Amino acid sequence: WVPVALCVILLNGLWMALLFGLLSA
């Protein structure tokens, strides 16, 4: 389950980076 959890965490990390990066800019 670790690779599955890692993929889900990365998908969450991607939207956070896009959203927070946009707001921070």
PDB file of all heavy atoms in Angstrom:
ATOM      1  N   TRP A   1       0.817  -1.212   0.000  1.00  0.00           N
ATOM      2  CA  TRP A   1       0.000   0.000   0.000  1.00  0.00           C
ATOM      3  C   TRP A   1       0.853   1.266   0.000  1.00  0.00           C
ATOM      4  O   TRP A   1       0.337   2.357  -0.275  1.00  0.00           O
ATOM      5  CB  TRP A   1      -0.925   0.026   1.225  1.00  0.00           C
ATOM      6  CG  TRP A   1      -2.110  -0.862   1.087  1.00  0.00           C
ATOM      7  CD1 TRP A   1      -2.287  -2.100   1.650  1.00  0.00           C
ATOM      8  CD2 TRP A   1      -3.292  -0.595   0.326  1.00  0.00           C
ATOM      9  NE1 TRP A   1      -3.503  -2.620   1.292  1.00  0.00           N
ATOM     10  CE2 TRP A   1      -4.142  -1.719   0.472  1.00  0.00           C
ATOM     11  CE3 TRP A   1      -3.715   0.466  -0.475  1.00  0.00           C
ATOM     12  CZ2 TRP A   1      -5.393  -1.797  -0.142  1.00  0.00           C
ATOM     13  CZ3 TRP A   1      -4.957   0.399  -1.090  1.00  0.00           C
ATOM     14  CH2 TRP A   1      -5.772  -0.724  -0.922  1.00  0.00           C
ATOM     15  N   VAL A   2       2.142   1.121   0.309  1.00  0.00           N
ATOM     16  CA  VAL A   2       3.011   2.301   0.385  1.00  0.00           C
ATOM     17  C   VAL A   2       3.119   3.034  -0.956  1.00  0.00           C
ATOM     18  O   VAL A   2       2.959   4.259  -1.005  1.00  0.00           O
ATOM     19  CB  VAL A   2       4.406   1.907   0.926  1.00  0.00           C
ATOM     20  CG1 VAL A   2       5.378   3.082   0.815  1.00  0.00           C
ATOM     21  CG2 VAL A   2       4.307   1.447   2.366  1.00  0.00           C
ATOM     22  N   PRO A   3       3.377   2.343  -2.088  1.00  0.00           N
ATOM     23  CA  PRO A   3       3.421   3.065  -3.367  1.00  0.00           C
ATOM     24  C   PRO A   3       2.101   3.734  -3.718  1.00  0.00           C
ATOM     25  O   PRO A   3       2.094   4.830  -4.302  1.00  0.00           O
ATOM     26  CB  PRO A   3       3.778   1.972  -4.387  1.00  0.00           C
ATOM     27  CG  PRO A   3       4.399   0.880  -3.586  1.00  0.00           C
ATOM     28  CD  PRO A   3       3.734   0.912  -2.267  1.00  0.00           C
ATOM     29  N   VAL A   4       0.993   3.074  -3.362  1.00  0.00           N
ATOM     30  CA  VAL A   4      -0.325   3.668  -3.633  1.00  0.00           C
ATOM     31  C   VAL A   4      -0.487   4.946  -2.819  1.00  0.00           C
ATOM     32  O   VAL A   4      -0.919   5.995  -3.336  1.00  0.00           O
ATOM     33  CB  VAL A   4      -1.446   2.665  -3.301  1.00  0.00           C
ATOM     34  CG1 VAL A   4      -2.813   3.288  -3.585  1.00  0.00           C
ATOM     35  CG2 VAL A   4      -1.275   1.381  -4.097  1.00  0.00           C
ATOM     36  N   ALA A   5      -0.150   4.853  -1.523  1.00  0.00           N
ATOM     37  CA  ALA A   5      -0.249   6.029  -0.656  1.00  0.00           C
ATOM     38  C   ALA A   5       0.671   7.139  -1.138  1.00  0.00           C
ATOM     39  O   ALA A   5       0.299   8.320  -1.118  1.00  0.00           O
ATOM     40  CB  ALA A   5       0.092   5.638   0.783  1.00  0.00           C
ATOM     41  N   LEU A   6       1.856   6.765  -1.603  1.00  0.00           N
ATOM     42  CA  LEU A   6       2.807   7.767  -2.101  1.00  0.00           C
ATOM     43  C   LEU A   6       2.250   8.496  -3.314  1.00  0.00           C
ATOM     44  O   LEU A   6       2.360   9.724  -3.420  1.00  0.00           O
ATOM     45  CB  LEU A   6       4.134   7.087  -2.447  1.00  0.00           C
ATOM     46  CG  LEU A   6       5.254   8.001  -2.956  1.00  0.00           C
ATOM     47  CD1 LEU A   6       5.606   9.055  -1.914  1.00  0.00           C
ATOM     48  CD2 LEU A   6       6.489   7.183  -3.323  1.00  0.00           C
ATOM     49  N   CYS A   7       1.635   7.770  -4.225  1.00  0.00           N
ATOM     50  CA  CYS A   7       1.025   8.398  -5.416  1.00  0.00           C
ATOM     51  C   CYS A   7      -0.084   9.360  -5.027  1.00  0.00           C
ATOM     52  O   CYS A   7      -0.191  10.465  -5.577  1.00  0.00           O
ATOM     53  CB  CYS A   7       0.489   7.325  -6.359  1.00  0.00           C
ATOM     54  SG  CYS A   7       1.764   6.360  -7.193  1.00  0.00           S
ATOM     55  N   VAL A   8      -0.917   8.958  -4.064  1.00  0.00           N
ATOM     56  CA  VAL A   8      -2.020   9.816  -3.620  1.00  0.00           C
ATOM     57  C   VAL A   8      -1.476  11.075  -2.945  1.00  0.00           C
ATOM     58  O   VAL A   8      -1.984  12.184  -3.161  1.00  0.00           O
ATOM     59  CB  VAL A   8      -2.953   9.036  -2.667  1.00  0.00           C
ATOM     60  CG1 VAL A   8      -4.000   9.960  -2.056  1.00  0.00           C
ATOM     61  CG2 VAL A   8      -3.644   7.909  -3.408  1.00  0.00           C
ATOM     62  N   ILE A   9      -0.440  10.914  -2.130  1.00  0.00           N
ATOM     63  CA  ILE A   9       0.173  12.075  -1.472  1.00  0.00           C
ATOM     64  C   ILE A   9       0.770  13.024  -2.507  1.00  0.00           C
ATOM     65  O   ILE A   9       0.649  14.252  -2.400  1.00  0.00           O
ATOM     66  CB  ILE A   9       1.240  11.609  -0.465  1.00  0.00           C
ATOM     67  CG1 ILE A   9       0.572  10.932   0.737  1.00  0.00           C
ATOM     68  CG2 ILE A   9       2.091  12.789   0.012  1.00  0.00           C
ATOM     69  CD1 ILE A   9       1.550  10.302   1.710  1.00  0.00           C
ATOM     70  N   LEU A  10       1.413  12.479  -3.534  1.00  0.00           N
ATOM     71  CA  LEU A  10       2.003  13.318  -4.575  1.00  0.00           C
ATOM     72  C   LEU A  10       0.935  14.056  -5.375  1.00  0.00           C
ATOM     73  O   LEU A  10       1.123  15.217  -5.756  1.00  0.00           O
ATOM     74  CB  LEU A  10       2.863  12.464  -5.510  1.00  0.00           C
ATOM     75  CG  LEU A  10       4.170  11.926  -4.908  1.00  0.00           C
ATOM     76  CD1 LEU A  10       4.851  10.974  -5.878  1.00  0.00           C
ATOM     77  CD2 LEU A  10       5.115  13.070  -4.546  1.00  0.00           C
ATOM     78  N   LEU A  11      -0.196  13.398  -5.622  1.00  0.00           N
ATOM     79  CA  LEU A  11      -1.294  14.062  -6.327  1.00  0.00           C
ATOM     80  C   LEU A  11      -1.850  15.213  -5.496  1.00  0.00           C
ATOM     81  O   LEU A  11      -2.213  16.266  -6.025  1.00  0.00           O
ATOM     82  CB  LEU A  11      -2.401  13.061  -6.662  1.00  0.00           C
ATOM     83  CG  LEU A  11      -2.110  12.100  -7.817  1.00  0.00           C
ATOM     84  CD1 LEU A  11      -3.197  11.040  -7.912  1.00  0.00           C
ATOM     85  CD2 LEU A  11      -1.990  12.865  -9.137  1.00  0.00           C
ATOM     86  N   ASN A  12      -1.919  14.994  -4.177  1.00  0.00           N
ATOM     87  CA  ASN A  12      -2.327  16.088  -3.298  1.00  0.00           C
ATOM     88  C   ASN A  12      -1.270  17.181  -3.275  1.00  0.00           C
ATOM     89  O   ASN A  12      -1.590  18.376  -3.266  1.00  0.00           O
ATOM     90  CB  ASN A  12      -2.575  15.573  -1.879  1.00  0.00           C
ATOM     91  CG  ASN A  12      -3.965  14.998  -1.695  1.00  0.00           C
ATOM     92  OD1 ASN A  12      -4.942  15.735  -1.595  1.00  0.00           O
ATOM     93  ND2 ASN A  12      -4.072  13.687  -1.672  1.00  0.00           N
ATOM     94  N   GLY A  13      -0.003  16.768  -3.273  1.00  0.00           N
ATOM     95  CA  GLY A  13       1.074  17.751  -3.283  1.00  0.00           C
ATOM     96  C   GLY A  13       1.085  18.600  -4.537  1.00  0.00           C
ATOM     97  O   GLY A  13       1.427  19.787  -4.499  1.00  0.00           O
ATOM     98  N   LEU A  14       0.664  18.012  -5.666  1.00  0.00           N
ATOM     99  CA  LEU A  14       0.656  18.754  -6.927  1.00  0.00           C
ATOM    100  C   LEU A  14      -0.392  19.853  -6.913  1.00  0.00           C
ATOM    101  O   LEU A  14      -0.104  20.993  -7.306  1.00  0.00           O
ATOM    102  CB  LEU A  14       0.422  17.792  -8.096  1.00  0.00           C
ATOM    103  CG  LEU A  14       0.422  18.418  -9.496  1.00  0.00           C
ATOM    104  CD1 LEU A  14       1.722  19.169  -9.756  1.00  0.00           C
ATOM    105  CD2 LEU A  14       0.199  17.355 -10.569  1.00  0.00           C
ATOM    106  N   TRP A  15      -1.611  19.536  -6.461  1.00  0.00           N
ATOM    107  CA  TRP A  15      -2.623  20.597  -6.449  1.00  0.00           C
ATOM    108  C   TRP A  15      -2.268  21.670  -5.420  1.00  0.00           C
ATOM    109  O   TRP A  15      -2.534  22.867  -5.630  1.00  0.00           O
ATOM    110  CB  TRP A  15      -4.030  20.061  -6.237  1.00  0.00           C
ATOM    111  CG  TRP A  15      -4.433  19.592  -4.869  1.00  0.00           C
ATOM    112  CD1 TRP A  15      -4.585  18.304  -4.451  1.00  0.00           C
ATOM    113  CD2 TRP A  15      -4.796  20.412  -3.740  1.00  0.00           C
ATOM    114  NE1 TRP A  15      -4.997  18.269  -3.131  1.00  0.00           N
ATOM    115  CE2 TRP A  15      -5.139  19.543  -2.683  1.00  0.00           C
ATOM    116  CE3 TRP A  15      -4.858  21.789  -3.527  1.00  0.00           C
ATOM    117  CZ2 TRP A  15      -5.532  20.005  -1.420  1.00  0.00           C
ATOM    118  CZ3 TRP A  15      -5.244  22.259  -2.265  1.00  0.00           C
ATOM    119  CH2 TRP A  15      -5.573  21.365  -1.232  1.00  0.00           C
ATOM    120  N   MET A  16      -1.644  21.268  -4.317  1.00  0.00           N
ATOM    121  CA  MET A  16      -1.232  22.263  -3.324  1.00  0.00           C
ATOM    122  C   MET A  16      -0.172  23.191  -3.900  1.00  0.00           C
ATOM    123  O   MET A  16      -0.212  24.412  -3.686  1.00  0.00           O
ATOM    124  CB  MET A  16      -0.694  21.563  -2.075  1.00  0.00           C
ATOM    125  CG  MET A  16      -1.745  20.844  -1.246  1.00  0.00           C
ATOM    126  SD  MET A  16      -1.000  20.035   0.193  1.00  0.00           S
ATOM    127  CE  MET A  16      -2.391  19.068   0.788  1.00  0.00           C
ATOM    128  N   ALA A  17       0.801  22.616  -4.630  1.00  0.00           N
ATOM    129  CA  ALA A  17       1.861  23.436  -5.222  1.00  0.00           C
ATOM    130  C   ALA A  17       1.287  24.396  -6.264  1.00  0.00           C
ATOM    131  O   ALA A  17       1.668  25.574  -6.310  1.00  0.00           O
ATOM    132  CB  ALA A  17       2.930  22.538  -5.844  1.00  0.00           C
ATOM    133  N   LEU A  18       0.378  23.905  -7.096  1.00  0.00           N
ATOM    134  CA  LEU A  18      -0.218  24.760  -8.123  1.00  0.00           C
ATOM    135  C   LEU A  18      -1.062  25.873  -7.508  1.00  0.00           C
ATOM    136  O   LEU A  18      -0.972  27.039  -7.915  1.00  0.00           O
ATOM    137  CB  LEU A  18      -1.073  23.925  -9.073  1.00  0.00           C
ATOM    138  CG  LEU A  18      -0.332  22.935  -9.977  1.00  0.00           C
ATOM    139  CD1 LEU A  18      -1.333  22.058 -10.729  1.00  0.00           C
ATOM    140  CD2 LEU A  18       0.582  23.665 -10.959  1.00  0.00           C
ATOM    141  N   LEU A  19      -1.876  25.525  -6.515  1.00  0.00           N
ATOM    142  CA  LEU A  19      -2.772  26.512  -5.908  1.00  0.00           C
ATOM    143  C   LEU A  19      -2.008  27.495  -5.028  1.00  0.00           C
ATOM    144  O   LEU A  19      -2.122  28.720  -5.198  1.00  0.00           O
ATOM    145  CB  LEU A  19      -3.847  25.805  -5.084  1.00  0.00           C
ATOM    146  CG  LEU A  19      -4.836  26.718  -4.339  1.00  0.00           C
ATOM    147  CD1 LEU A  19      -5.603  27.582  -5.323  1.00  0.00           C
ATOM    148  CD2 LEU A  19      -5.796  25.900  -3.483  1.00  0.00           C
ATOM    149  N   PHE A  20      -1.221  26.967  -4.092  1.00  0.00           N
ATOM    150  CA  PHE A  20      -0.496  27.850  -3.176  1.00  0.00           C
ATOM    151  C   PHE A  20       0.598  28.625  -3.908  1.00  0.00           C
ATOM    152  O   PHE A  20       0.899  29.769  -3.554  1.00  0.00           O
ATOM    153  CB  PHE A  20       0.108  27.044  -2.028  1.00  0.00           C
ATOM    154  CG  PHE A  20      -0.915  26.359  -1.172  1.00  0.00           C
ATOM    155  CD1 PHE A  20      -0.623  25.193  -0.498  1.00  0.00           C
ATOM    156  CD2 PHE A  20      -2.183  26.888  -1.034  1.00  0.00           C
ATOM    157  CE1 PHE A  20      -1.560  24.557   0.296  1.00  0.00           C
ATOM    158  CE2 PHE A  20      -3.147  26.265  -0.247  1.00  0.00           C
ATOM    159  CZ  PHE A  20      -2.827  25.088   0.419  1.00  0.00           C
ATOM    160  N   GLY A  21       1.202  27.989  -4.920  1.00  0.00           N
ATOM    161  CA  GLY A  21       2.201  28.699  -5.712  1.00  0.00           C
ATOM    162  C   GLY A  21       1.590  29.866  -6.468  1.00  0.00           C
ATOM    163  O   GLY A  21       2.183  30.941  -6.572  1.00  0.00           O
ATOM    164  N   LEU A  22       0.382  29.651  -6.996  1.00  0.00           N
ATOM    165  CA  LEU A  22      -0.339  30.714  -7.705  1.00  0.00           C
ATOM    166  C   LEU A  22      -0.688  31.863  -6.761  1.00  0.00           C
ATOM    167  O   LEU A  22      -0.447  33.038  -7.070  1.00  0.00           O
ATOM    168  CB  LEU A  22      -1.609  30.139  -8.328  1.00  0.00           C
ATOM    169  CG  LEU A  22      -2.534  31.101  -9.064  1.00  0.00           C
ATOM    170  CD1 LEU A  22      -1.891  31.534 -10.372  1.00  0.00           C
ATOM    171  CD2 LEU A  22      -3.881  30.452  -9.337  1.00  0.00           C
ATOM    172  N   LEU A  23      -1.238  31.523  -5.590  1.00  0.00           N
ATOM    173  CA  LEU A  23      -1.613  32.554  -4.622  1.00  0.00           C
ATOM    174  C   LEU A  23      -0.391  33.289  -4.095  1.00  0.00           C
ATOM    175  O   LEU A  23      -0.440  34.507  -3.862  1.00  0.00           O
ATOM    176  CB  LEU A  23      -2.385  31.907  -3.455  1.00  0.00           C
ATOM    177  CG  LEU A  23      -3.743  31.296  -3.799  1.00  0.00           C
ATOM    178  CD1 LEU A  23      -4.337  30.609  -2.581  1.00  0.00           C
ATOM    179  CD2 LEU A  23      -4.706  32.364  -4.317  1.00  0.00           C
ATOM    180  N   SER A  24       0.714  32.551  -3.912  1.00  0.00           N
ATOM    181  CA  SER A  24       1.939  33.174  -3.400  1.00  0.00           C
ATOM    182  C   SER A  24       2.553  34.123  -4.413  1.00  0.00           C
ATOM    183  O   SER A  24       3.158  35.136  -4.038  1.00  0.00           O
ATOM    184  CB  SER A  24       2.950  32.094  -3.012  1.00  0.00           C
ATOM    185  OG  SER A  24       2.442  31.258  -1.992  1.00  0.00           O
ATOM    186  N   ALA A  25       2.431  33.783  -5.701  1.00  0.00           N
ATOM    187  CA  ALA A  25       2.949  34.677  -6.731  1.00  0.00           C
ATOM    188  C   ALA A  25       2.203  36.013  -6.722  1.00  0.00           C
ATOM    189  O   ALA A  25       2.789  37.061  -6.997  1.00  0.00           O
ATOM    190  CB  ALA A  25       2.837  34.011  -8.101  1.00  0.00           C
TER     191      ALA A  25
END
